[in-house]
Amino acid sequence: MDTMDFNTCPRLKKASKFSGEYRLDMFKVFTVGQGELFMRSLKIFLPQAEIKPVPREDANIVITVSYAYSSENEYCYIRITDCGIEIHCRDNAGARNAAAIIAQIIRTQENGGFVLPCGVAEDWPDAQYRAMMLESSGRVWMPMNIIRRYIQEMALCRMNVLQFHFMEDSGCTVPFDSAPELSGYGKENLKFTKDEVREMIAYAADLGIRVTPFVEVLSHATDFAEKSGIGCPGDGGESMYDVCLGQEKTFEVIEKILTEISELFPDDVIHIGADEYDMCRVTPWKPYWEKCPHCQELSRRMGYTSLRELFLYGIERINRIVNKLGKVMMMWNADIHPGHLPKEFERNMIIHYYRFCSDLGRERIYNLYLNGYIEDGFSAINSYYPQTYMDFDNYMSAEKLNGWSHLTGPLVKKENHAKLPGGCCCAWEEHEHYCRTIPAAIMLFADRLWNAYGDPVPYDEAYGRTMTHILFGTKLPEDMNVFACLGGVLPPLKDNVAAHVERVEVGMDELIRVKNMLRQLTSEGDETAEIYADAIEKVISEKLNEEQITESLKVPLPFEG
């Protein structure tokens, strides 16, 4: 039996395999309705394939798109027989999903043709919002070719949003005419060009991925405030919260840069950050607003008695700027207290949920419940950090993810599900382990959002083979499981630890076989293969050291016997 069958990541909602298989040399596609994403994404997923539109009578793939096929967004139905491939989709996103499924289950033949198992697959997501946050900002540089590689994998795993975080406390990697003085990354002052960003956005769009701009214009904004001249007088640039809310110039500068962002990014959401306002006891920075003459004058004029009221004033001003640009504002949750907000405070922003309580700040804030935000009128996205952040080893793990969904971690009442459309996995700062862990995390996280109502998936041998196939396609044998050689489906979130060596159960012969085949792909220019080959090399080295130590313990000491 074909070892791939209809195994995909995310898992399909429904699938049944017929006997036999369908062989084709090229993809001759006839489309009814708005299904152009099928063609565009399939060409990226399968660059070696010839794919072209043809008349109905010449087609071996017929794809029809209509909202009448299902009530489920992104729905797709695929039927493969020895006569051809029939696909029904509710929308263009469903057409992209169908292309991703086909790209995962297809095999190549020695003569250059393709073969697909016969059967029926029916699929749709439980979460409408399935995102990955990648950072390439003033504090970390992620090259565009790496970002594009992750975008392709996200699309193959049927995710639909990239949160692109490019403006942090120490600088910004996207150039802006209104703020050319902003620092880039490192001594080289690295920045992307706007054309590079546009090309990345277009590439993502061809794969059904929206790119949400993610900037910091209120907190984590030292460089922005200093270079733009909107810091609080006397602060001296020591605070990552030193954006002055008492000066009208501040909002003029913010509007200019957000206008450029809205023109560059077609997505309907702008993420403004605005987090960790209450965390001043665990960082050397604290808001300067209580010492700033402009902020204090504004507070006196507005009748504010707390810094929190000043913070909400700033949020509302920025929200109206974003709305004026025809966009929706997204922000972190930590400093918005559900149930304790003024009735006039607008709820049309999206809350990006990441923390439950903060008991470390000057103005302590508790009871930051997901249900509370929804019941207070907000929509929310779930990125609860102990389970969805992947920068440190005490955050995300395969074990945690296996029981997580955006609806259960933390638990959300059933009546609130409609206003919690999904979640986002976050890769913060610069970590050496990302080259190994992000590709794996994309697959695991995508499955938990796609199958939020389903049972936890067994991370078994078949799952590891499926993940291997997603990363390397038909370049490796179907029985190969790269992740078994790393001791688990998610490598350690530690920069100096390549694998869970203590969990590796495959023998030395298999380790060497997988490593050698990955080295062959490396010689053909596959950077991902090189990353995992290096990791397995370290496993082999540690295993050999363990064997030598074990053997040495078997040698009798001179005084024994």
Protein backbone atom coordinates (compact mmCIF):
# COMPACT_ATOMS: atom_id res chain seq x y z
CA MET A 1 0.00 0.00 0.00
CA ASP A 2 1.18 3.53 -0.75
CA THR A 3 2.66 4.84 2.50
CA MET A 4 1.45 8.39 1.84
CA ASP A 5 -2.15 7.49 1.00
CA PHE A 6 -4.15 10.54 2.08
CA ASN A 7 -1.93 11.43 5.03
CA THR A 8 -1.56 15.19 5.09
CA CYS A 9 -0.70 17.91 7.58
CA PRO A 10 -3.10 19.29 8.61
CA ARG A 11 -5.10 16.08 8.75
CA LEU A 12 -8.07 15.89 6.40
CA LYS A 13 -11.57 16.06 7.81
CA LYS A 14 -12.70 13.12 5.67
CA ALA A 15 -10.78 10.81 3.36
CA SER A 16 -11.25 7.39 1.80
CA LYS A 17 -8.91 5.63 -0.59
CA PHE A 18 -10.01 3.60 -3.60
CA SER A 19 -7.96 0.88 -5.16
CA GLY A 20 -5.64 1.99 -7.92
CA GLU A 21 -3.95 5.23 -8.79
CA TYR A 22 -4.09 7.98 -11.38
CA ARG A 23 -1.06 8.77 -13.54
CA LEU A 24 -0.49 11.98 -15.46
CA ASP A 25 2.39 13.65 -17.25
CA MET A 26 1.11 17.20 -16.98
CA PHE A 27 -1.70 19.10 -15.26
CA LYS A 28 -4.33 20.15 -17.79
CA VAL A 29 -6.78 22.27 -15.80
CA PHE A 30 -10.27 23.52 -16.58
CA THR A 31 -11.70 25.97 -14.03
CA VAL A 32 -15.29 27.06 -13.45
CA GLY A 33 -15.66 30.07 -11.16
CA GLN A 34 -13.05 32.00 -9.18
CA GLY A 35 -10.43 29.34 -8.65
CA GLU A 36 -7.28 30.94 -10.03
CA LEU A 37 -5.45 30.33 -6.74
CA PHE A 38 -5.42 26.63 -7.61
CA MET A 39 -3.25 27.23 -10.66
CA ARG A 40 -1.03 29.89 -9.09
CA SER A 41 -0.27 27.97 -5.90
CA LEU A 42 0.14 24.58 -7.61
CA LYS A 43 2.82 26.08 -9.87
CA ILE A 44 4.76 27.15 -6.77
CA PHE A 45 4.20 23.89 -4.89
CA LEU A 46 5.23 21.79 -7.91
CA PRO A 47 7.73 23.86 -9.92
CA GLN A 48 8.83 20.77 -11.85
CA ALA A 49 5.33 20.19 -13.22
CA GLU A 50 3.82 21.54 -16.43
CA ILE A 51 0.49 23.14 -15.55
CA LYS A 52 -1.74 24.89 -18.07
CA PRO A 53 -5.39 25.82 -18.60
CA VAL A 54 -7.19 23.84 -21.29
CA PRO A 55 -10.72 23.45 -22.71
CA ARG A 56 -13.09 21.22 -20.76
CA GLU A 57 -12.78 18.29 -23.14
CA ASP A 58 -8.97 18.21 -22.82
CA ALA A 59 -8.74 18.55 -19.03
CA ASN A 60 -7.54 15.92 -16.58
CA ILE A 61 -8.39 18.24 -13.66
CA VAL A 62 -11.76 19.97 -13.50
CA ILE A 63 -12.16 22.43 -10.64
CA THR A 64 -15.43 24.23 -9.97
CA VAL A 65 -15.86 27.01 -7.41
CA SER A 66 -19.17 28.14 -5.93
CA TYR A 67 -20.37 29.26 -2.52
CA ALA A 68 -23.28 26.84 -2.99
CA TYR A 69 -21.03 23.80 -2.50
CA SER A 70 -20.81 24.19 1.26
CA SER A 71 -21.57 26.44 4.19
CA GLU A 72 -17.96 26.02 5.35
CA ASN A 73 -15.45 28.66 4.26
CA GLU A 74 -12.40 27.25 2.43
CA TYR A 75 -14.21 23.98 1.79
CA CYS A 76 -12.78 21.66 -0.85
CA TYR A 77 -13.73 18.23 -2.19
CA ILE A 78 -11.27 16.19 -4.24
CA ARG A 79 -12.20 13.02 -6.12
CA ILE A 80 -9.42 11.11 -7.86
CA THR A 81 -10.21 8.16 -10.13
CA ASP A 82 -8.28 6.46 -12.88
CA CYS A 83 -10.14 8.78 -15.26
CA GLY A 84 -9.01 12.08 -13.80
CA ILE A 85 -9.37 14.57 -10.92
CA GLU A 86 -12.56 16.39 -9.95
CA ILE A 87 -12.45 19.25 -7.42
CA HIS A 88 -15.30 21.28 -5.87
CA CYS A 89 -14.54 24.35 -3.75
CA ARG A 90 -16.63 26.92 -1.95
CA ASP A 91 -14.18 29.77 -2.64
CA ASN A 92 -10.78 30.70 -3.97
CA ALA A 93 -9.17 29.85 -0.62
CA GLY A 94 -10.64 26.36 -0.90
CA ALA A 95 -9.03 26.08 -4.34
CA ARG A 96 -5.65 26.91 -2.78
CA ASN A 97 -6.27 24.26 -0.14
CA ALA A 98 -7.04 21.69 -2.84
CA ALA A 99 -3.70 22.49 -4.53
CA ALA A 100 -1.91 22.06 -1.21
CA ILE A 101 -3.52 18.68 -0.61
CA ILE A 102 -2.61 17.44 -4.08
CA ALA A 103 0.97 18.66 -3.63
CA GLN A 104 1.22 16.69 -0.39
CA ILE A 105 -0.15 13.36 -1.64
CA ILE A 106 1.44 13.34 -5.10
CA ARG A 107 4.42 11.14 -6.04
CA THR A 108 6.75 11.41 -9.00
CA GLN A 109 7.58 8.64 -11.43
CA GLU A 110 11.01 7.84 -12.78
CA ASN A 111 9.96 8.98 -16.25
CA GLY A 112 9.10 12.42 -14.89
CA GLY A 113 5.35 11.90 -14.65
CA PHE A 114 3.18 11.96 -11.55
CA VAL A 115 0.95 9.52 -9.71
CA LEU A 116 -1.86 10.14 -7.22
CA PRO A 117 -3.72 7.60 -5.07
CA CYS A 118 -7.36 7.19 -6.07
CA GLY A 119 -9.91 8.24 -3.50
CA VAL A 120 -12.00 11.05 -2.07
CA ALA A 121 -10.89 13.84 0.27
CA GLU A 122 -13.20 16.40 1.84
CA ASP A 123 -11.80 19.20 3.94
CA TRP A 124 -12.39 22.55 5.65
CA PRO A 125 -10.79 24.40 8.58
CA ASP A 126 -12.14 24.78 12.09
CA ALA A 127 -10.26 28.09 12.53
CA GLN A 128 -10.66 30.83 9.94
CA TYR A 129 -7.51 32.67 11.09
CA ARG A 130 -4.33 30.56 10.95
CA ALA A 131 -1.23 32.67 11.34
CA MET A 132 2.52 32.67 11.86
CA MET A 133 4.37 35.71 13.21
CA LEU A 134 7.90 36.17 11.82
CA GLU A 135 10.21 38.94 12.93
CA SER A 136 12.79 40.77 10.84
CA SER A 137 13.20 44.08 12.64
CA GLY A 138 15.80 46.33 14.22
CA ARG A 139 16.74 43.55 16.63
CA VAL A 140 16.82 40.54 14.27
CA TRP A 141 17.46 40.00 10.57
CA MET A 142 15.54 37.30 8.72
CA PRO A 143 16.48 37.36 5.02
CA MET A 144 13.69 37.57 2.48
CA ASN A 145 14.54 34.18 0.93
CA ILE A 146 13.97 32.54 4.35
CA ILE A 147 10.67 34.40 4.81
CA ARG A 148 9.53 33.23 1.37
CA ARG A 149 10.51 29.65 2.24
CA TYR A 150 8.36 29.79 5.37
CA ILE A 151 5.47 31.36 3.43
CA GLN A 152 5.49 28.44 1.00
CA GLU A 153 5.43 25.92 3.83
CA MET A 154 2.63 27.85 5.56
CA ALA A 155 0.57 27.68 2.37
CA LEU A 156 1.32 23.99 1.92
CA CYS A 157 -0.01 23.51 5.46
CA ARG A 158 -3.09 25.59 4.56
CA MET A 159 -2.34 28.55 6.84
CA ASN A 160 -3.56 31.93 5.62
CA VAL A 161 -1.90 34.83 7.49
CA LEU A 162 1.70 35.98 7.94
CA GLN A 163 2.15 38.60 10.64
CA PHE A 164 5.29 40.41 9.48
CA HIS A 165 6.93 42.13 12.47
CA PHE A 166 9.42 44.64 11.09
CA MET A 167 9.48 47.54 13.58
CA GLU A 168 10.78 47.07 17.11
CA ASP A 169 12.37 49.01 19.96
CA SER A 170 15.77 49.19 18.25
CA GLY A 171 14.71 49.91 14.68
CA CYS A 172 12.74 49.15 11.54
CA THR A 173 13.68 47.08 8.46
CA VAL A 174 11.18 48.62 6.04
CA PRO A 175 12.15 52.10 4.75
CA PHE A 176 9.66 54.95 5.04
CA ASP A 177 9.79 58.31 3.29
CA SER A 178 8.19 59.95 6.32
CA ALA A 179 10.82 58.49 8.68
CA PRO A 180 14.03 57.82 6.71
CA GLU A 181 16.15 58.27 9.82
CA LEU A 182 14.85 55.11 11.53
CA SER A 183 17.60 52.61 12.28
CA GLY A 184 17.73 49.34 10.38
CA TYR A 185 19.25 46.12 11.63
CA GLY A 186 22.81 45.99 12.98
CA LYS A 187 25.88 48.01 12.12
CA GLU A 188 25.11 47.54 8.43
CA ASN A 189 21.74 49.28 8.95
CA LEU A 190 20.04 46.52 6.96
CA LYS A 191 16.65 47.24 5.45
CA PHE A 192 14.51 45.68 2.77
CA THR A 193 13.53 47.80 -0.18
CA LYS A 194 9.86 48.52 -0.67
CA ASP A 195 10.02 46.56 -3.91
CA GLU A 196 11.32 43.53 -1.99
CA VAL A 197 8.39 43.85 0.40
CA ARG A 198 5.94 44.19 -2.48
CA GLU A 199 7.38 41.09 -4.15
CA MET A 200 7.06 39.15 -0.90
CA ILE A 201 3.43 40.27 -0.50
CA ALA A 202 2.66 39.26 -4.10
CA TYR A 203 4.35 35.89 -3.62
CA ALA A 204 2.28 35.30 -0.49
CA ALA A 205 -0.91 36.33 -2.30
CA ASP A 206 -0.22 33.74 -5.02
CA LEU A 207 -0.20 31.18 -2.21
CA GLY A 208 -3.34 32.43 -0.47
CA ILE A 209 -1.44 34.11 2.39
CA ARG A 210 -2.31 37.59 3.63
CA VAL A 211 0.59 39.63 5.03
CA THR A 212 -0.34 41.76 8.04
CA PRO A 213 2.10 44.60 8.86
CA PHE A 214 3.15 44.50 12.52
CA VAL A 215 4.78 47.63 13.92
CA GLU A 216 5.42 49.18 17.33
CA VAL A 217 4.29 52.80 17.57
CA LEU A 218 3.43 53.09 21.27
CA SER A 219 5.55 50.63 23.25
CA HIS A 220 8.84 49.00 22.19
CA ALA A 221 9.35 52.23 20.28
CA THR A 222 12.56 53.87 21.53
CA ASP A 223 14.19 54.32 18.12
CA PHE A 224 10.94 55.48 16.52
CA ALA A 225 10.29 58.05 19.26
CA GLU A 226 13.86 59.33 19.39
CA LYS A 227 14.46 59.62 15.64
CA SER A 228 11.01 61.11 14.98
CA GLY A 229 11.26 63.61 17.82
CA ILE A 230 8.13 62.44 19.60
CA GLY A 231 9.63 61.29 22.90
CA CYS A 232 8.73 62.72 26.26
CA PRO A 233 11.03 65.66 27.19
CA GLY A 234 13.64 64.58 29.71
CA ASP A 235 13.28 60.86 29.03
CA GLY A 236 16.60 60.57 27.27
CA GLY A 237 15.63 57.51 25.28
CA GLU A 238 15.82 55.17 28.27
CA SER A 239 12.26 53.93 27.99
CA MET A 240 10.83 51.67 25.32
CA TYR A 241 7.54 53.44 26.13
CA ASP A 242 8.79 56.98 25.58
CA VAL A 243 6.27 57.99 22.93
CA CYS A 244 4.79 61.22 24.23
CA LEU A 245 1.00 61.24 24.27
CA GLY A 246 0.70 64.89 25.27
CA GLN A 247 1.99 66.30 21.98
CA GLU A 248 -0.14 66.54 18.86
CA LYS A 249 3.02 66.02 16.81
CA THR A 250 3.11 62.41 18.03
CA PHE A 251 -0.13 61.52 16.29
CA GLU A 252 0.85 63.44 13.15
CA VAL A 253 4.04 61.37 12.90
CA ILE A 254 2.18 58.12 13.62
CA GLU A 255 -0.42 58.94 10.97
CA LYS A 256 2.28 59.57 8.35
CA ILE A 257 4.04 56.26 8.93
CA LEU A 258 0.79 54.28 9.19
CA THR A 259 -0.34 55.89 5.92
CA GLU A 260 2.78 54.59 4.18
CA ILE A 261 2.26 51.18 5.72
CA SER A 262 -1.37 51.06 4.55
CA GLU A 263 -0.26 51.97 1.02
CA LEU A 264 2.42 49.25 0.98
CA PHE A 265 0.41 46.45 2.59
CA PRO A 266 -3.02 45.69 1.05
CA ASP A 267 -4.17 43.65 4.07
CA ASP A 268 -7.10 45.12 5.95
CA VAL A 269 -5.37 44.83 9.36
CA ILE A 270 -2.49 46.81 10.89
CA HIS A 271 -0.97 45.44 14.11
CA ILE A 272 0.34 48.26 16.32
CA GLY A 273 1.76 46.13 19.17
CA ALA A 274 1.33 48.26 22.35
CA ASP A 275 2.31 45.52 24.81
CA GLU A 276 4.11 45.14 28.14
CA TYR A 277 3.08 48.51 29.48
CA ASP A 278 2.74 46.93 32.94
CA MET A 279 6.04 45.05 32.91
CA CYS A 280 8.34 47.75 34.28
CA ARG A 281 9.59 45.63 37.18
CA VAL A 282 11.12 43.01 34.91
CA THR A 283 12.75 45.44 32.49
CA PRO A 284 14.92 48.53 33.12
CA TRP A 285 12.35 50.73 31.38
CA LYS A 286 9.20 52.39 32.65
CA PRO A 287 6.75 54.84 31.11
CA TYR A 288 7.87 58.44 31.45
CA TRP A 289 4.38 59.87 31.13
CA GLU A 290 4.01 60.70 34.82
CA LYS A 291 7.13 62.93 34.62
CA CYS A 292 6.44 64.41 31.19
CA PRO A 293 5.02 67.98 31.31
CA HIS A 294 3.05 67.44 28.09
CA CYS A 295 1.50 64.17 29.26
CA GLN A 296 0.71 65.62 32.68
CA GLU A 297 -0.91 68.68 31.13
CA LEU A 298 -3.05 66.43 28.92
CA SER A 299 -4.06 64.35 31.95
CA ARG A 300 -5.01 67.51 33.87
CA ARG A 301 -7.04 68.83 30.94
CA MET A 302 -8.81 65.49 30.38
CA GLY A 303 -9.35 64.80 34.06
CA TYR A 304 -7.27 61.61 34.06
CA THR A 305 -6.16 60.24 37.42
CA SER A 306 -4.15 57.20 36.22
CA LEU A 307 -1.61 56.33 33.57
CA ARG A 308 -4.00 53.70 32.30
CA GLU A 309 -6.47 56.38 31.22
CA LEU A 310 -3.64 58.09 29.34
CA PHE A 311 -2.75 54.79 27.67
CA LEU A 312 -6.36 54.26 26.54
CA TYR A 313 -6.41 57.81 25.15
CA GLY A 314 -3.36 56.99 23.02
CA ILE A 315 -4.90 53.73 21.82
CA GLU A 316 -8.13 55.42 20.78
CA ARG A 317 -6.28 58.12 18.86
CA ILE A 318 -4.21 55.53 16.97
CA ASN A 319 -7.28 53.36 16.34
CA ARG A 320 -9.04 56.27 14.67
CA ILE A 321 -6.00 56.91 12.48
CA VAL A 322 -6.00 53.26 11.41
CA ASN A 323 -9.75 53.39 10.72
CA LYS A 324 -9.31 56.60 8.71
CA LEU A 325 -6.94 54.65 6.47
CA GLY A 326 -9.65 52.05 5.87
CA LYS A 327 -7.96 49.45 8.08
CA VAL A 328 -8.74 47.51 11.26
CA MET A 329 -6.36 47.85 14.20
CA MET A 330 -4.95 44.85 16.04
CA MET A 331 -3.15 45.16 19.38
CA TRP A 332 -1.89 43.05 22.26
CA ASN A 333 -4.20 42.42 25.19
CA ALA A 334 -2.01 42.92 28.26
CA ASP A 335 -3.01 46.51 28.97
CA ILE A 336 -6.67 46.39 27.99
CA HIS A 337 -8.70 45.31 31.02
CA PRO A 338 -12.02 43.74 29.96
CA GLY A 339 -14.94 44.75 32.11
CA HIS A 340 -13.15 47.87 33.32
CA LEU A 341 -13.17 50.03 30.19
CA PRO A 342 -15.04 53.30 29.65
CA LYS A 343 -18.30 52.77 27.81
CA GLU A 344 -17.17 55.19 25.11
CA PHE A 345 -13.99 53.21 24.42
CA GLU A 346 -14.33 51.68 20.95
CA ARG A 347 -14.41 47.89 20.58
CA ASN A 348 -13.84 47.70 16.80
CA MET A 349 -10.17 46.71 17.26
CA ILE A 350 -8.94 43.10 17.34
CA ILE A 351 -7.36 41.94 20.56
CA HIS A 352 -4.28 39.75 20.07
CA TYR A 353 -4.38 37.70 23.25
CA TYR A 354 -1.08 36.52 24.71
CA ARG A 355 -1.12 36.80 28.48
CA PHE A 356 -3.47 36.01 31.33
CA CYS A 357 -2.38 38.29 34.17
CA SER A 358 0.36 40.76 34.99
CA ASP A 359 1.36 41.00 38.63
CA LEU A 360 4.78 42.55 38.04
CA GLY A 361 3.93 46.09 37.02
CA ARG A 362 3.30 49.33 38.85
CA GLU A 363 -0.34 49.29 37.85
CA ARG A 364 -1.14 45.64 38.35
CA ILE A 365 -3.82 44.20 36.12
CA TYR A 366 -5.53 40.86 36.61
CA ASN A 367 -8.27 38.70 35.15
CA LEU A 368 -7.30 39.07 31.50
CA TYR A 369 -9.63 36.30 30.41
CA LEU A 370 -10.22 35.51 26.75
CA ASN A 371 -13.91 35.18 27.49
CA GLY A 372 -13.80 38.60 29.14
CA TYR A 373 -12.57 40.33 25.99
CA ILE A 374 -15.21 38.69 23.83
CA GLU A 375 -18.00 39.39 26.29
CA ASP A 376 -16.81 43.01 26.46
CA GLY A 377 -17.41 43.34 22.71
CA PHE A 378 -14.00 42.58 21.15
CA SER A 379 -12.96 39.95 18.65
CA ALA A 380 -9.73 38.19 19.53
CA ILE A 381 -6.86 36.11 18.17
CA ASN A 382 -5.23 33.56 20.48
CA SER A 383 -1.45 33.52 21.00
CA TYR A 384 -1.34 32.42 24.63
CA TYR A 385 2.42 32.59 25.12
CA PRO A 386 3.19 29.46 27.21
CA GLN A 387 1.82 27.33 24.36
CA THR A 388 2.28 29.35 21.16
CA TYR A 389 5.56 31.25 21.60
CA MET A 390 8.65 29.46 20.37
CA ASP A 391 11.56 31.65 21.39
CA PHE A 392 12.46 29.80 24.61
CA ASP A 393 12.36 26.16 25.66
CA ASN A 394 9.81 26.71 28.46
CA TYR A 395 7.19 27.84 25.94
CA MET A 396 5.87 25.74 23.05
CA SER A 397 6.42 21.99 22.98
CA ALA A 398 4.95 19.14 20.98
CA GLU A 399 3.31 17.84 24.14
CA LYS A 400 1.63 21.18 24.87
CA LEU A 401 0.52 21.70 21.28
CA ASN A 402 -1.00 18.24 21.04
CA GLY A 403 -3.72 19.21 23.47
CA TRP A 404 -3.99 22.89 22.49
CA SER A 405 -6.37 24.74 20.23
CA HIS A 406 -7.28 28.40 20.03
CA LEU A 407 -10.54 27.50 21.79
CA THR A 408 -9.08 25.50 24.67
CA GLY A 409 -5.87 27.21 25.74
CA PRO A 410 -7.25 29.07 27.66
CA LEU A 411 -10.75 27.57 27.55
CA VAL A 412 -13.35 29.63 25.71
CA LYS A 413 -17.09 29.28 26.21
CA LYS A 414 -18.92 27.78 23.25
CA GLU A 415 -21.11 30.86 22.85
CA ASN A 416 -17.93 32.95 22.38
CA HIS A 417 -16.34 30.82 19.65
CA ALA A 418 -17.64 32.99 16.80
CA LYS A 419 -15.57 35.99 17.92
CA LEU A 420 -12.36 33.98 18.29
CA PRO A 421 -11.55 33.05 14.68
CA GLY A 422 -8.12 31.52 15.26
CA GLY A 423 -4.59 31.85 16.53
CA CYS A 424 -1.02 32.82 15.75
CA CYS A 425 2.29 31.07 16.44
CA CYS A 426 5.00 33.61 17.33
CA ALA A 427 8.76 33.43 16.66
CA TRP A 428 10.34 36.34 18.53
CA GLU A 429 13.85 37.73 18.41
CA GLU A 430 16.92 35.94 17.05
CA HIS A 431 17.44 32.25 17.89
CA GLU A 432 19.70 29.74 16.19
CA HIS A 433 17.18 26.96 16.75
CA TYR A 434 14.58 28.64 14.50
CA CYS A 435 16.12 27.11 11.38
CA ARG A 436 15.12 23.69 12.79
CA THR A 437 12.04 24.53 14.84
CA ILE A 438 10.04 26.97 12.68
CA PRO A 439 9.49 24.47 9.81
CA ALA A 440 8.27 21.88 12.31
CA ALA A 441 6.16 24.35 14.31
CA ILE A 442 4.35 25.55 11.20
CA MET A 443 3.11 22.01 10.54
CA LEU A 444 2.14 21.24 14.14
CA PHE A 445 0.45 24.59 14.74
CA ALA A 446 -1.41 24.49 11.43
CA ASP A 447 -2.90 21.12 12.34
CA ARG A 448 -4.12 22.28 15.74
CA LEU A 449 -5.92 25.26 14.19
CA TRP A 450 -7.31 23.30 11.26
CA ASN A 451 -8.57 20.52 13.54
CA ALA A 452 -9.43 22.50 16.65
CA TYR A 453 -12.48 20.36 17.40
CA GLY A 454 -10.73 17.08 16.69
CA ASP A 455 -8.85 14.75 18.99
CA PRO A 456 -5.12 15.24 19.58
CA VAL A 457 -3.06 13.73 16.78
CA PRO A 458 -0.66 10.86 17.52
CA TYR A 459 2.82 12.11 16.69
CA ASP A 460 3.79 8.68 15.44
CA GLU A 461 5.90 7.24 12.64
CA ALA A 462 3.29 8.02 9.98
CA TYR A 463 3.03 11.63 11.16
CA GLY A 464 6.81 12.05 11.01
CA ARG A 465 6.87 10.65 7.46
CA THR A 466 4.14 13.08 6.43
CA MET A 467 6.08 16.02 7.89
CA THR A 468 9.21 14.84 6.08
CA HIS A 469 7.29 14.66 2.81
CA ILE A 470 5.98 18.22 3.27
CA LEU A 471 9.48 19.60 3.77
CA PHE A 472 11.23 17.63 1.05
CA GLY A 473 8.47 16.46 -1.30
CA THR A 474 9.35 13.53 -3.49
CA LYS A 475 13.10 14.06 -3.13
CA LEU A 476 13.27 11.52 -0.28
CA PRO A 477 11.89 7.95 -0.12
CA GLU A 478 8.35 7.67 1.20
CA ASP A 479 9.44 5.60 4.19
CA MET A 480 11.88 8.23 5.45
CA ASN A 481 11.21 10.01 8.74
CA VAL A 482 13.67 12.81 9.41
CA PHE A 483 11.99 13.70 12.71
CA ALA A 484 12.44 10.21 14.16
CA CYS A 485 16.17 10.90 13.77
CA LEU A 486 15.75 14.06 15.85
CA GLY A 487 13.84 12.41 18.70
CA GLY A 488 10.49 14.07 18.05
CA VAL A 489 8.35 16.15 15.72
CA LEU A 490 9.50 19.45 17.28
CA PRO A 491 13.26 19.86 17.84
CA PRO A 492 14.31 21.51 21.13
CA LEU A 493 13.75 25.25 21.46
CA LYS A 494 17.39 25.60 22.51
CA ASP A 495 20.06 27.22 20.39
CA ASN A 496 22.81 24.77 21.33
CA VAL A 497 20.75 21.56 21.28
CA ALA A 498 19.95 20.14 17.84
CA ALA A 499 17.76 17.19 18.83
CA HIS A 500 16.14 15.23 21.66
CA VAL A 501 18.99 12.71 21.53
CA GLU A 502 17.68 10.76 24.53
CA ARG A 503 14.43 10.06 22.61
CA VAL A 504 16.04 8.88 19.36
CA GLU A 505 15.16 5.21 18.93
CA VAL A 506 16.20 4.60 15.33
CA GLY A 507 19.39 2.65 14.76
CA MET A 508 22.74 3.98 13.61
CA ASP A 509 22.28 2.59 10.10
CA GLU A 510 19.06 4.54 9.65
CA LEU A 511 20.59 7.72 11.07
CA ILE A 512 23.42 7.48 8.59
CA ARG A 513 21.05 6.69 5.69
CA VAL A 514 18.86 9.71 6.38
CA LYS A 515 21.84 11.98 6.94
CA ASN A 516 23.49 10.88 3.69
CA MET A 517 20.32 11.45 1.65
CA LEU A 518 19.91 14.90 3.18
CA ARG A 519 23.53 15.64 2.30
CA GLN A 520 22.74 14.71 -1.29
CA LEU A 521 19.87 17.21 -1.32
CA THR A 522 22.22 19.77 0.23
CA SER A 523 24.58 19.35 -2.72
CA GLU A 524 21.62 20.20 -4.96
CA GLY A 525 21.05 23.48 -3.12
CA ASP A 526 18.41 22.49 -0.54
CA GLU A 527 19.19 24.66 2.52
CA THR A 528 16.54 22.97 4.67
CA ALA A 529 18.12 19.58 4.01
CA GLU A 530 21.49 20.95 5.16
CA ILE A 531 19.96 22.21 8.42
CA TYR A 532 18.48 18.83 9.30
CA ALA A 533 21.54 16.92 8.08
CA ASP A 534 23.68 18.98 10.45
CA ALA A 535 21.30 18.19 13.31
CA ILE A 536 21.37 14.45 12.59
CA GLU A 537 25.17 14.62 12.33
CA LYS A 538 25.21 15.84 15.93
CA VAL A 539 22.86 13.03 16.98
CA ILE A 540 25.19 10.47 15.38
CA SER A 541 28.18 12.00 17.13
CA GLU A 542 26.47 11.92 20.52
CA LYS A 543 25.26 8.36 19.97
CA LEU A 544 28.78 7.21 19.07
CA ASN A 545 30.15 8.87 22.19
CA GLU A 546 27.53 7.10 24.28
CA GLU A 547 28.46 3.75 22.70
CA GLN A 548 32.16 4.34 23.37
CA ILE A 549 31.46 5.18 26.99
CA THR A 550 29.24 2.10 27.34
CA GLU A 551 31.90 -0.14 25.80
CA SER A 552 34.59 1.32 28.04
CA LEU A 553 32.51 0.42 31.09
CA LYS A 554 32.54 -3.23 29.98
CA VAL A 555 36.36 -3.43 30.10
CA PRO A 556 37.52 -4.93 33.44
CA LEU A 557 39.61 -2.68 35.59
CA PRO A 558 43.19 -3.89 36.32
CA PHE A 559 42.37 -4.85 39.88
CA GLU A 560 39.20 -6.75 39.01
CA GLY A 561 39.20 -10.55 38.89
